[in-house]
Amino acid sequence: MPDLAPYAGAAEAGANLLSGIVKRILPEKISELDAAKMNQEITMALIRGEFEPMIAQARINEQEAASDNIFVSGWRPFVGWVCGSALAWQFIGLPLSQFFIALFEIKMASLPVFDYAQLSPILLGMLGLGAMRSYEKVKAESTSAMRVGS
């Protein structure tokens, strides 16, 4: 079961909203206990609907990572290396190259510049996944022992 703690505030706000709607639609036709049960069922249906795509994606990721085919399991490391290389060039290689070109007064065409605005969503998404894996390591959980959707 996914950790629902980050969504507790949203779930509580949604539950309060649903409770108000149920009370206005059916003011005296159902008991307080029945209204609470309906509210809980609707809230859980909303939460399940939100987490089902995430669980499905996690299952796909697990199958991709287990594949022996480099074109299936190797795309994430490839994207990581491309993003890391572009980031290193943009913030280390390019400024140092420009400094030395100016220092030695070298005449040459302009150096390539990567658009960090396009790179950052990919890189930050991958770093977010890396942070989750680091969190698992700190908690002494391994990916192979983790059951997706349980």
N, C-alpha and C. Protein backbone atom coordinates (compact mmCIF):
# COMPACT_ATOMS: atom_id res chain seq x y z
N MET A 1 0.84 -1.19 0.00
CA MET A 1 0.00 0.00 0.00
C MET A 1 0.88 1.24 0.00
N PRO A 2 0.63 2.18 -0.88
CA PRO A 2 1.43 3.40 -0.93
C PRO A 2 1.27 4.22 0.35
N ASP A 3 2.28 5.02 0.66
CA ASP A 3 2.24 5.89 1.81
C ASP A 3 1.29 7.05 1.52
N LEU A 4 0.24 7.16 2.30
CA LEU A 4 -0.77 8.19 2.06
C LEU A 4 -0.55 9.44 2.90
N ALA A 5 0.49 9.46 3.74
CA ALA A 5 0.73 10.58 4.64
C ALA A 5 0.82 11.93 3.91
N PRO A 6 1.50 12.01 2.75
CA PRO A 6 1.56 13.32 2.08
C PRO A 6 0.20 13.83 1.61
N TYR A 7 -0.75 12.93 1.48
CA TYR A 7 -2.06 13.29 0.97
C TYR A 7 -3.11 13.44 2.06
N ALA A 8 -2.68 13.38 3.33
CA ALA A 8 -3.62 13.40 4.44
C ALA A 8 -4.44 14.68 4.45
N GLY A 9 -3.81 15.82 4.26
CA GLY A 9 -4.53 17.09 4.26
C GLY A 9 -5.54 17.18 3.14
N ALA A 10 -5.15 16.74 1.95
CA ALA A 10 -6.06 16.78 0.81
C ALA A 10 -7.21 15.81 1.02
N ALA A 11 -6.91 14.63 1.58
CA ALA A 11 -7.96 13.64 1.83
C ALA A 11 -8.94 14.17 2.87
N GLU A 12 -8.43 14.81 3.92
CA GLU A 12 -9.31 15.37 4.95
C GLU A 12 -10.19 16.48 4.39
N ALA A 13 -9.59 17.36 3.57
CA ALA A 13 -10.37 18.44 2.96
C ALA A 13 -11.44 17.87 2.03
N GLY A 14 -11.05 16.84 1.26
CA GLY A 14 -12.02 16.19 0.37
C GLY A 14 -13.13 15.51 1.16
N ALA A 15 -12.77 14.87 2.27
CA ALA A 15 -13.77 14.21 3.10
C ALA A 15 -14.74 15.23 3.69
N ASN A 16 -14.23 16.37 4.15
CA ASN A 16 -15.10 17.41 4.70
C ASN A 16 -16.04 17.96 3.63
N LEU A 17 -15.51 18.15 2.42
CA LEU A 17 -16.33 18.63 1.32
C LEU A 17 -17.43 17.62 0.99
N LEU A 18 -17.04 16.36 0.88
CA LEU A 18 -18.03 15.32 0.57
C LEU A 18 -19.07 15.20 1.67
N SER A 19 -18.64 15.32 2.91
CA SER A 19 -19.58 15.25 4.04
C SER A 19 -20.61 16.37 3.94
N GLY A 20 -20.15 17.58 3.63
CA GLY A 20 -21.07 18.71 3.48
C GLY A 20 -22.05 18.50 2.34
N ILE A 21 -21.54 17.95 1.22
CA ILE A 21 -22.42 17.69 0.07
C ILE A 21 -23.47 16.65 0.41
N VAL A 22 -23.02 15.56 1.05
CA VAL A 22 -23.97 14.49 1.42
C VAL A 22 -25.03 15.02 2.37
N LYS A 23 -24.64 15.84 3.35
CA LYS A 23 -25.61 16.39 4.31
C LYS A 23 -26.61 17.33 3.64
N ARG A 24 -26.16 18.06 2.61
CA ARG A 24 -27.08 18.98 1.92
C ARG A 24 -28.04 18.24 0.99
N ILE A 25 -27.52 17.20 0.34
CA ILE A 25 -28.36 16.45 -0.60
C ILE A 25 -29.36 15.57 0.15
N LEU A 26 -28.89 14.91 1.18
CA LEU A 26 -29.72 13.99 1.95
C LEU A 26 -29.76 14.42 3.42
N PRO A 27 -30.40 15.54 3.74
CA PRO A 27 -30.28 16.08 5.09
C PRO A 27 -30.85 15.19 6.20
N GLU A 28 -32.00 14.58 5.98
CA GLU A 28 -32.60 13.79 7.05
C GLU A 28 -32.87 12.36 6.63
N LYS A 29 -32.52 12.01 5.42
CA LYS A 29 -32.87 10.69 4.90
C LYS A 29 -31.90 9.60 5.35
N ILE A 30 -30.70 9.97 5.78
CA ILE A 30 -29.74 8.96 6.23
C ILE A 30 -29.17 9.37 7.59
N SER A 31 -28.72 8.36 8.32
CA SER A 31 -28.16 8.64 9.64
C SER A 31 -26.74 9.19 9.51
N GLU A 32 -26.22 9.72 10.60
CA GLU A 32 -24.85 10.26 10.63
C GLU A 32 -23.84 9.16 10.32
N LEU A 33 -24.09 7.95 10.83
CA LEU A 33 -23.19 6.82 10.60
C LEU A 33 -23.19 6.43 9.12
N ASP A 34 -24.37 6.38 8.51
CA ASP A 34 -24.44 6.06 7.07
C ASP A 34 -23.76 7.13 6.23
N ALA A 35 -23.93 8.40 6.61
CA ALA A 35 -23.27 9.48 5.88
C ALA A 35 -21.76 9.36 6.00
N ALA A 36 -21.26 9.01 7.19
CA ALA A 36 -19.82 8.83 7.38
C ALA A 36 -19.30 7.66 6.54
N LYS A 37 -20.08 6.57 6.48
CA LYS A 37 -19.67 5.42 5.66
C LYS A 37 -19.62 5.79 4.18
N MET A 38 -20.64 6.51 3.72
CA MET A 38 -20.65 6.94 2.32
C MET A 38 -19.46 7.84 2.03
N ASN A 39 -19.20 8.75 2.94
CA ASN A 39 -18.08 9.68 2.80
C ASN A 39 -16.77 8.92 2.71
N GLN A 40 -16.59 7.92 3.57
CA GLN A 40 -15.36 7.12 3.58
C GLN A 40 -15.23 6.33 2.27
N GLU A 41 -16.31 5.75 1.81
CA GLU A 41 -16.26 4.97 0.56
C GLU A 41 -15.90 5.86 -0.63
N ILE A 42 -16.48 7.04 -0.69
CA ILE A 42 -16.18 7.96 -1.79
C ILE A 42 -14.73 8.43 -1.72
N THR A 43 -14.26 8.75 -0.51
CA THR A 43 -12.88 9.19 -0.33
C THR A 43 -11.90 8.10 -0.75
N MET A 44 -12.16 6.87 -0.33
CA MET A 44 -11.27 5.76 -0.70
C MET A 44 -11.31 5.51 -2.21
N ALA A 45 -12.45 5.66 -2.82
CA ALA A 45 -12.54 5.49 -4.27
C ALA A 45 -11.71 6.56 -4.98
N LEU A 46 -11.75 7.79 -4.47
CA LEU A 46 -10.93 8.85 -5.06
C LEU A 46 -9.44 8.57 -4.89
N ILE A 47 -9.05 8.10 -3.70
CA ILE A 47 -7.64 7.79 -3.45
C ILE A 47 -7.18 6.64 -4.33
N ARG A 48 -7.98 5.58 -4.42
CA ARG A 48 -7.61 4.45 -5.28
C ARG A 48 -7.48 4.88 -6.73
N GLY A 49 -8.38 5.74 -7.17
CA GLY A 49 -8.32 6.24 -8.53
C GLY A 49 -7.06 7.04 -8.78
N GLU A 50 -6.55 7.73 -7.76
CA GLU A 50 -5.34 8.52 -7.91
C GLU A 50 -4.10 7.63 -7.92
N PHE A 51 -4.10 6.57 -7.14
CA PHE A 51 -2.91 5.74 -7.01
C PHE A 51 -2.82 4.62 -8.03
N GLU A 52 -3.92 4.23 -8.65
CA GLU A 52 -3.87 3.14 -9.62
C GLU A 52 -2.90 3.40 -10.77
N PRO A 53 -2.89 4.60 -11.39
CA PRO A 53 -1.91 4.84 -12.45
C PRO A 53 -0.47 4.78 -11.94
N MET A 54 -0.23 5.26 -10.72
CA MET A 54 1.12 5.21 -10.17
C MET A 54 1.57 3.78 -9.93
N ILE A 55 0.66 2.95 -9.43
CA ILE A 55 0.98 1.54 -9.18
C ILE A 55 1.23 0.82 -10.50
N ALA A 56 0.41 1.11 -11.51
CA ALA A 56 0.61 0.49 -12.82
C ALA A 56 1.96 0.89 -13.40
N GLN A 57 2.35 2.16 -13.27
CA GLN A 57 3.64 2.62 -13.77
C GLN A 57 4.78 1.95 -13.02
N ALA A 58 4.63 1.77 -11.71
CA ALA A 58 5.66 1.10 -10.92
C ALA A 58 5.84 -0.34 -11.37
N ARG A 59 4.76 -1.01 -11.71
CA ARG A 59 4.85 -2.39 -12.22
C ARG A 59 5.57 -2.44 -13.56
N ILE A 60 5.28 -1.49 -14.43
CA ILE A 60 5.96 -1.41 -15.73
C ILE A 60 7.45 -1.15 -15.51
N ASN A 61 7.78 -0.22 -14.61
CA ASN A 61 9.18 0.09 -14.31
C ASN A 61 9.92 -1.14 -13.80
N GLU A 62 9.26 -1.92 -12.96
CA GLU A 62 9.88 -3.13 -12.40
C GLU A 62 10.17 -4.14 -13.51
N GLN A 63 9.24 -4.31 -14.44
CA GLN A 63 9.46 -5.24 -15.55
C GLN A 63 10.57 -4.75 -16.47
N GLU A 64 10.61 -3.44 -16.73
CA GLU A 64 11.66 -2.89 -17.57
C GLU A 64 13.03 -3.08 -16.94
N ALA A 65 13.14 -2.84 -15.66
CA ALA A 65 14.43 -2.97 -14.97
C ALA A 65 14.92 -4.41 -14.94
N ALA A 66 14.02 -5.37 -14.94
CA ALA A 66 14.41 -6.77 -14.88
C ALA A 66 14.77 -7.35 -16.25
N SER A 67 14.51 -6.62 -17.31
CA SER A 67 14.76 -7.11 -18.66
C SER A 67 16.25 -7.24 -18.96
N ASP A 68 16.61 -8.27 -19.73
CA ASP A 68 17.99 -8.45 -20.18
C ASP A 68 18.30 -7.62 -21.43
N ASN A 69 17.27 -7.13 -22.09
CA ASN A 69 17.44 -6.34 -23.30
C ASN A 69 17.89 -4.92 -22.93
N ILE A 70 19.03 -4.50 -23.44
CA ILE A 70 19.59 -3.19 -23.11
C ILE A 70 18.68 -2.05 -23.55
N PHE A 71 17.88 -2.25 -24.61
CA PHE A 71 17.00 -1.21 -25.09
C PHE A 71 15.75 -1.06 -24.22
N VAL A 72 15.49 -2.04 -23.38
CA VAL A 72 14.36 -1.96 -22.45
C VAL A 72 14.83 -1.49 -21.08
N SER A 73 15.88 -2.11 -20.55
CA SER A 73 16.33 -1.79 -19.20
C SER A 73 17.36 -0.66 -19.17
N GLY A 74 17.95 -0.34 -20.31
CA GLY A 74 19.03 0.64 -20.31
C GLY A 74 18.64 2.06 -20.62
N TRP A 75 17.37 2.31 -20.91
CA TRP A 75 17.01 3.67 -21.30
C TRP A 75 17.09 4.64 -20.14
N ARG A 76 16.76 4.22 -18.93
CA ARG A 76 16.84 5.14 -17.79
C ARG A 76 18.28 5.55 -17.50
N PRO A 77 19.23 4.60 -17.43
CA PRO A 77 20.61 5.03 -17.22
C PRO A 77 21.11 5.92 -18.37
N PHE A 78 20.70 5.60 -19.60
CA PHE A 78 21.10 6.42 -20.74
C PHE A 78 20.62 7.86 -20.57
N VAL A 79 19.35 8.02 -20.23
CA VAL A 79 18.80 9.36 -20.04
C VAL A 79 19.51 10.04 -18.87
N GLY A 80 19.83 9.30 -17.82
CA GLY A 80 20.57 9.87 -16.70
C GLY A 80 21.94 10.36 -17.10
N TRP A 81 22.67 9.57 -17.90
CA TRP A 81 24.00 9.98 -18.35
C TRP A 81 23.92 11.17 -19.29
N VAL A 82 22.93 11.18 -20.18
CA VAL A 82 22.77 12.32 -21.09
C VAL A 82 22.48 13.59 -20.30
N CYS A 83 21.54 13.50 -19.35
CA CYS A 83 21.21 14.67 -18.54
C CYS A 83 22.40 15.10 -17.69
N GLY A 84 23.08 14.14 -17.09
CA GLY A 84 24.26 14.48 -16.28
C GLY A 84 25.36 15.11 -17.10
N SER A 85 25.59 14.58 -18.29
CA SER A 85 26.62 15.15 -19.17
C SER A 85 26.24 16.57 -19.61
N ALA A 86 24.98 16.76 -19.99
CA ALA A 86 24.53 18.09 -20.41
C ALA A 86 24.63 19.08 -19.25
N LEU A 87 24.27 18.63 -18.07
CA LEU A 87 24.36 19.51 -16.89
C LEU A 87 25.81 19.86 -16.59
N ALA A 88 26.69 18.86 -16.65
CA ALA A 88 28.12 19.12 -16.42
C ALA A 88 28.68 20.08 -17.45
N TRP A 89 28.30 19.91 -18.72
CA TRP A 89 28.79 20.82 -19.76
C TRP A 89 28.28 22.24 -19.52
N GLN A 90 26.96 22.33 -19.26
CA GLN A 90 26.32 23.65 -19.13
C GLN A 90 26.88 24.46 -17.97
N PHE A 91 27.15 23.82 -16.85
CA PHE A 91 27.53 24.57 -15.65
C PHE A 91 29.00 24.44 -15.26
N ILE A 92 29.74 23.54 -15.92
CA ILE A 92 31.17 23.41 -15.61
C ILE A 92 32.00 23.57 -16.89
N GLY A 93 31.74 22.72 -17.87
CA GLY A 93 32.53 22.72 -19.10
C GLY A 93 32.45 24.01 -19.89
N LEU A 94 31.24 24.49 -20.12
CA LEU A 94 31.05 25.71 -20.92
C LEU A 94 31.69 26.94 -20.27
N PRO A 95 31.42 27.21 -19.00
CA PRO A 95 32.06 28.39 -18.41
C PRO A 95 33.59 28.31 -18.39
N LEU A 96 34.14 27.13 -18.08
CA LEU A 96 35.59 26.98 -18.08
C LEU A 96 36.16 27.15 -19.49
N SER A 97 35.48 26.56 -20.48
CA SER A 97 35.94 26.70 -21.87
C SER A 97 35.91 28.16 -22.30
N GLN A 98 34.82 28.86 -21.98
CA GLN A 98 34.73 30.27 -22.33
C GLN A 98 35.82 31.09 -21.64
N PHE A 99 36.13 30.75 -20.40
CA PHE A 99 37.18 31.45 -19.66
C PHE A 99 38.53 31.27 -20.36
N PHE A 100 38.88 30.01 -20.70
CA PHE A 100 40.17 29.77 -21.32
C PHE A 100 40.25 30.32 -22.74
N ILE A 101 39.13 30.29 -23.47
CA ILE A 101 39.10 30.88 -24.81
C ILE A 101 39.36 32.38 -24.73
N ALA A 102 38.74 33.03 -23.76
CA ALA A 102 38.95 34.47 -23.57
C ALA A 102 40.36 34.75 -23.04
N LEU A 103 40.85 33.91 -22.14
CA LEU A 103 42.16 34.11 -21.55
C LEU A 103 43.27 34.03 -22.60
N PHE A 104 43.17 33.05 -23.46
CA PHE A 104 44.21 32.85 -24.49
C PHE A 104 43.84 33.51 -25.82
N GLU A 105 42.74 34.25 -25.84
CA GLU A 105 42.29 34.99 -27.02
C GLU A 105 42.21 34.10 -28.27
N ILE A 106 41.57 32.97 -28.10
CA ILE A 106 41.40 32.01 -29.19
C ILE A 106 40.20 32.43 -30.04
N LYS A 107 40.40 32.46 -31.34
CA LYS A 107 39.30 32.79 -32.26
C LYS A 107 38.66 31.49 -32.70
N MET A 108 37.39 31.34 -32.42
CA MET A 108 36.66 30.13 -32.83
C MET A 108 35.16 30.40 -32.83
N ALA A 109 34.43 29.47 -33.40
CA ALA A 109 32.97 29.58 -33.42
C ALA A 109 32.45 29.46 -31.98
N SER A 110 31.23 29.88 -31.79
CA SER A 110 30.67 29.82 -30.44
C SER A 110 30.46 28.37 -30.00
N LEU A 111 30.54 28.15 -28.72
CA LEU A 111 30.38 26.82 -28.15
C LEU A 111 28.90 26.49 -27.99
N PRO A 112 28.54 25.21 -28.03
CA PRO A 112 27.12 24.85 -27.89
C PRO A 112 26.61 25.15 -26.47
N VAL A 113 25.39 25.63 -26.42
CA VAL A 113 24.73 25.94 -25.15
C VAL A 113 23.45 25.11 -25.10
N PHE A 114 23.23 24.40 -24.01
CA PHE A 114 22.02 23.60 -23.84
C PHE A 114 20.97 24.42 -23.11
N ASP A 115 19.73 24.23 -23.49
CA ASP A 115 18.63 24.95 -22.85
C ASP A 115 18.25 24.21 -21.57
N TYR A 116 18.68 24.76 -20.45
CA TYR A 116 18.43 24.10 -19.16
C TYR A 116 16.94 24.04 -18.85
N ALA A 117 16.13 24.94 -19.37
CA ALA A 117 14.69 24.92 -19.12
C ALA A 117 14.05 23.65 -19.67
N GLN A 118 14.60 23.13 -20.77
CA GLN A 118 14.07 21.88 -21.32
C GLN A 118 14.66 20.67 -20.63
N LEU A 119 15.87 20.79 -20.17
CA LEU A 119 16.56 19.67 -19.52
C LEU A 119 16.10 19.45 -18.08
N SER A 120 15.81 20.53 -17.38
CA SER A 120 15.55 20.43 -15.94
C SER A 120 14.37 19.55 -15.56
N PRO A 121 13.22 19.56 -16.26
CA PRO A 121 12.13 18.66 -15.83
C PRO A 121 12.53 17.19 -15.89
N ILE A 122 13.29 16.82 -16.90
CA ILE A 122 13.73 15.44 -17.02
C ILE A 122 14.71 15.10 -15.91
N LEU A 123 15.70 15.96 -15.74
CA LEU A 123 16.73 15.73 -14.74
C LEU A 123 16.15 15.73 -13.33
N LEU A 124 15.31 16.70 -13.02
CA LEU A 124 14.74 16.78 -11.68
C LEU A 124 13.80 15.61 -11.40
N GLY A 125 13.08 15.16 -12.42
CA GLY A 125 12.26 13.96 -12.25
C GLY A 125 13.09 12.75 -11.93
N MET A 126 14.20 12.60 -12.64
CA MET A 126 15.08 11.46 -12.37
C MET A 126 15.74 11.58 -11.00
N LEU A 127 16.11 12.78 -10.62
CA LEU A 127 16.70 12.97 -9.30
C LEU A 127 15.69 12.71 -8.20
N GLY A 128 14.44 13.02 -8.46
CA GLY A 128 13.39 12.70 -7.49
C GLY A 128 13.28 11.21 -7.29
N LEU A 129 13.35 10.45 -8.38
CA LEU A 129 13.30 9.00 -8.25
C LEU A 129 14.54 8.50 -7.54
N GLY A 130 15.68 9.13 -7.80
CA GLY A 130 16.91 8.75 -7.11
C GLY A 130 16.82 9.02 -5.62
N ALA A 131 16.18 10.13 -5.27
CA ALA A 131 16.01 10.45 -3.85
C ALA A 131 15.13 9.42 -3.17
N MET A 132 14.10 8.95 -3.87
CA MET A 132 13.24 7.91 -3.28
C MET A 132 14.05 6.65 -3.04
N ARG A 133 14.91 6.29 -3.98
CA ARG A 133 15.74 5.09 -3.82
C ARG A 133 16.71 5.27 -2.66
N SER A 134 17.28 6.46 -2.51
CA SER A 134 18.18 6.72 -1.39
C SER A 134 17.42 6.60 -0.07
N TYR A 135 16.19 7.06 -0.04
CA TYR A 135 15.35 6.95 1.15
C TYR A 135 15.12 5.48 1.49
N GLU A 136 14.88 4.65 0.45
CA GLU A 136 14.70 3.21 0.68
C GLU A 136 15.97 2.60 1.25
N LYS A 137 17.13 3.01 0.73
CA LYS A 137 18.39 2.47 1.22
C LYS A 137 18.61 2.84 2.68
N VAL A 138 18.25 4.08 3.05
CA VAL A 138 18.41 4.51 4.44
C VAL A 138 17.50 3.68 5.34
N LYS A 139 16.31 3.37 4.85
CA LYS A 139 15.38 2.56 5.63
C LYS A 139 15.71 1.07 5.55
N ALA A 140 16.79 0.72 4.82
CA ALA A 140 17.24 -0.67 4.65
C ALA A 140 16.22 -1.53 3.93
N GLU A 141 15.55 -0.95 2.95
CA GLU A 141 14.64 -1.71 2.10
C GLU A 141 15.29 -1.86 0.75
N SER A 142 15.12 -3.01 0.13
CA SER A 142 15.70 -3.21 -1.19
C SER A 142 14.58 -3.27 -2.23
N THR A 143 14.91 -2.91 -3.45
CA THR A 143 13.91 -2.92 -4.51
C THR A 143 13.40 -4.32 -4.77
N SER A 144 14.27 -5.31 -4.70
CA SER A 144 13.84 -6.67 -4.97
C SER A 144 12.89 -7.19 -3.91
N ALA A 145 12.98 -6.65 -2.70
CA ALA A 145 12.09 -7.10 -1.64
C ALA A 145 10.77 -6.32 -1.62
N MET A 146 10.72 -5.21 -2.36
CA MET A 146 9.54 -4.37 -2.34
C MET A 146 8.47 -4.97 -3.25
N ARG A 147 7.26 -5.04 -2.74
CA ARG A 147 6.15 -5.54 -3.53
C ARG A 147 5.30 -4.36 -3.96
N VAL A 148 5.16 -4.19 -5.23
CA VAL A 148 4.40 -3.07 -5.76
C VAL A 148 2.92 -3.42 -5.68
N GLY A 149 2.16 -2.50 -5.12
CA GLY A 149 0.71 -2.67 -5.05
C GLY A 149 0.24 -3.50 -3.88
N SER A 150 1.12 -3.86 -2.96
CA SER A 150 0.67 -4.65 -1.82
C SER A 150 0.66 -3.80 -0.58
